[in-house]
């Protein structure tokens, strides 16, 4: 799960939390 939650933390320069995962996906889209 941790691996899936931390989707390229270096890509955004910060830790990606499960609740913020949607935000990350939307930004990368």
PDB file of N, CA and C in Angstrom:
ATOM      1  N   UNK A   1       0.829  -1.209   0.000  1.00  0.00           N
ATOM      2  CA  UNK A   1       0.000   0.000   0.000  1.00  0.00           C
ATOM      3  C   UNK A   1       0.860   1.255   0.000  1.00  0.00           C
ATOM      4  N   UNK A   2       1.900   1.253   0.807  1.00  0.00           N
ATOM      5  CA  UNK A   2       2.762   2.439   0.886  1.00  0.00           C
ATOM      6  C   UNK A   2       3.330   2.787  -0.484  1.00  0.00           C
ATOM      7  N   UNK A   3       3.721   1.759  -1.219  1.00  0.00           N
ATOM      8  CA  UNK A   3       4.286   2.010  -2.546  1.00  0.00           C
ATOM      9  C   UNK A   3       3.243   2.659  -3.453  1.00  0.00           C
ATOM     10  N   UNK A   4       2.007   2.221  -3.310  1.00  0.00           N
ATOM     11  CA  UNK A   4       0.952   2.776  -4.157  1.00  0.00           C
ATOM     12  C   UNK A   4       0.590   4.190  -3.720  1.00  0.00           C
ATOM     13  N   UNK A   5       0.645   4.415  -2.412  1.00  0.00           N
ATOM     14  CA  UNK A   5       0.314   5.743  -1.873  1.00  0.00           C
ATOM     15  C   UNK A   5       1.372   6.759  -2.284  1.00  0.00           C
ATOM     16  N   UNK A   6       2.635   6.360  -2.146  1.00  0.00           N
ATOM     17  CA  UNK A   6       3.717   7.276  -2.510  1.00  0.00           C
ATOM     18  C   UNK A   6       4.017   7.183  -4.002  1.00  0.00           C
ATOM     19  N   UNK A   7       3.134   7.754  -4.790  1.00  0.00           N
ATOM     20  CA  UNK A   7       3.309   7.715  -6.237  1.00  0.00           C
ATOM     21  C   UNK A   7       4.299   8.788  -6.660  1.00  0.00           C
ATOM     22  N   UNK A   8       5.532   8.384  -6.843  1.00  0.00           N
ATOM     23  CA  UNK A   8       6.591   9.316  -7.243  1.00  0.00           C
ATOM     24  C   UNK A   8       6.642  10.549  -6.343  1.00  0.00           C
ATOM     25  N   UNK A   9       7.012  10.389  -5.087  1.00  0.00           N
ATOM     26  CA  UNK A   9       7.103  11.527  -4.175  1.00  0.00           C
ATOM     27  C   UNK A   9       8.100  12.564  -4.682  1.00  0.00           C
ATOM     28  N   UNK A  10       9.119  12.121  -5.399  1.00  0.00           N
ATOM     29  CA  UNK A  10      10.126  13.051  -5.923  1.00  0.00           C
ATOM     30  C   UNK A  10       9.542  13.897  -7.057  1.00  0.00           C
ATOM     31  N   UNK A  11       8.521  13.350  -7.717  1.00  0.00           N
ATOM     32  CA  UNK A  11       7.929  14.043  -8.853  1.00  0.00           C
ATOM     33  C   UNK A  11       7.320  15.383  -8.419  1.00  0.00           C
ATOM     34  N   UNK A  12       6.726  15.390  -7.227  1.00  0.00           N
ATOM     35  CA  UNK A  12       6.103  16.613  -6.736  1.00  0.00           C
ATOM     36  C   UNK A  12       6.990  17.299  -5.691  1.00  0.00           C
ATOM     37  N   UNK A  13       8.015  16.585  -5.230  1.00  0.00           N
ATOM     38  CA  UNK A  13       8.908  17.166  -4.242  1.00  0.00           C
ATOM     39  C   UNK A  13       8.299  17.126  -2.850  1.00  0.00           C
ATOM     40  N   UNK A  14       7.276  16.307  -2.675  1.00  0.00           N
ATOM     41  CA  UNK A  14       6.655  16.190  -1.353  1.00  0.00           C
ATOM     42  C   UNK A  14       5.977  14.836  -1.241  1.00  0.00           C
ATOM     43  N   UNK A  15       5.613  14.476  -0.017  1.00  0.00           N
ATOM     44  CA  UNK A  15       4.979  13.174   0.191  1.00  0.00           C
ATOM     45  C   UNK A  15       3.521  13.209  -0.242  1.00  0.00           C
ATOM     46  N   UNK A  16       3.115  12.171  -0.918  1.00  0.00           N
ATOM     47  CA  UNK A  16       1.732  12.091  -1.372  1.00  0.00           C
ATOM     48  C   UNK A  16       0.921  11.210  -0.419  1.00  0.00           C
ATOM     49  N   UNK A  17      -0.072  11.803   0.215  1.00  0.00           N
ATOM     50  CA  UNK A  17      -0.907  11.049   1.139  1.00  0.00           C
ATOM     51  C   UNK A  17      -2.077  10.424   0.372  1.00  0.00           C
ATOM     52  N   UNK A  18      -2.625   9.313   0.896  1.00  0.00           N
ATOM     53  CA  UNK A  18      -3.727   8.612   0.220  1.00  0.00           C
ATOM     54  C   UNK A  18      -4.894   9.543  -0.091  1.00  0.00           C
ATOM     55  N   UNK A  19      -5.175  10.474   0.803  1.00  0.00           N
ATOM     56  CA  UNK A  19      -6.299  11.387   0.587  1.00  0.00           C
ATOM     57  C   UNK A  19      -5.970  12.397  -0.506  1.00  0.00           C
ATOM     58  N   UNK A  20      -4.676  12.706  -0.649  1.00  0.00           N
ATOM     59  CA  UNK A  20      -4.262  13.684  -1.660  1.00  0.00           C
ATOM     60  C   UNK A  20      -3.914  13.009  -2.989  1.00  0.00           C
ATOM     61  N   UNK A  21      -4.068  11.688  -3.017  1.00  0.00           N
ATOM     62  CA  UNK A  21      -3.703  10.950  -4.219  1.00  0.00           C
ATOM     63  C   UNK A  21      -4.532  11.423  -5.418  1.00  0.00           C
ATOM     64  N   UNK A  22      -5.797  11.715  -5.188  1.00  0.00           N
ATOM     65  CA  UNK A  22      -6.662  12.194  -6.273  1.00  0.00           C
ATOM     66  C   UNK A  22      -6.118  13.500  -6.839  1.00  0.00           C
ATOM     67  N   UNK A  23      -5.637  14.353  -5.953  1.00  0.00           N
ATOM     68  CA  UNK A  23      -5.104  15.649  -6.381  1.00  0.00           C
ATOM     69  C   UNK A  23      -3.900  15.430  -7.294  1.00  0.00           C
ATOM     70  N   UNK A  24      -3.045  14.496  -6.909  1.00  0.00           N
ATOM     71  CA  UNK A  24      -1.854  14.206  -7.706  1.00  0.00           C
ATOM     72  C   UNK A  24      -2.253  13.724  -9.100  1.00  0.00           C
ATOM     73  N   UNK A  25      -3.218  12.824  -9.139  1.00  0.00           N
ATOM     74  CA  UNK A  25      -3.675  12.279 -10.417  1.00  0.00           C
ATOM     75  C   UNK A  25      -4.267  13.385 -11.282  1.00  0.00           C
ATOM     76  N   UNK A  26      -5.043  14.279 -10.670  1.00  0.00           N
ATOM     77  CA  UNK A  26      -5.655  15.367 -11.427  1.00  0.00           C
ATOM     78  C   UNK A  26      -4.594  16.309 -11.979  1.00  0.00           C
ATOM     79  N   UNK A  27      -3.571  16.592 -11.187  1.00  0.00           N
ATOM     80  CA  UNK A  27      -2.513  17.507 -11.633  1.00  0.00           C
ATOM     81  C   UNK A  27      -1.718  16.892 -12.784  1.00  0.00           C
ATOM     82  N   UNK A  28      -1.443  15.599 -12.699  1.00  0.00           N
ATOM     83  CA  UNK A  28      -0.641  14.946 -13.733  1.00  0.00           C
ATOM     84  C   UNK A  28      -1.471  14.760 -14.996  1.00  0.00           C
ATOM     85  N   UNK A  29      -2.780  14.771 -14.869  1.00  0.00           N
ATOM     86  CA  UNK A  29      -3.649  14.635 -16.039  1.00  0.00           C
ATOM     87  C   UNK A  29      -3.605  15.954 -16.808  1.00  0.00           C
TER      88      UNK A  29
END
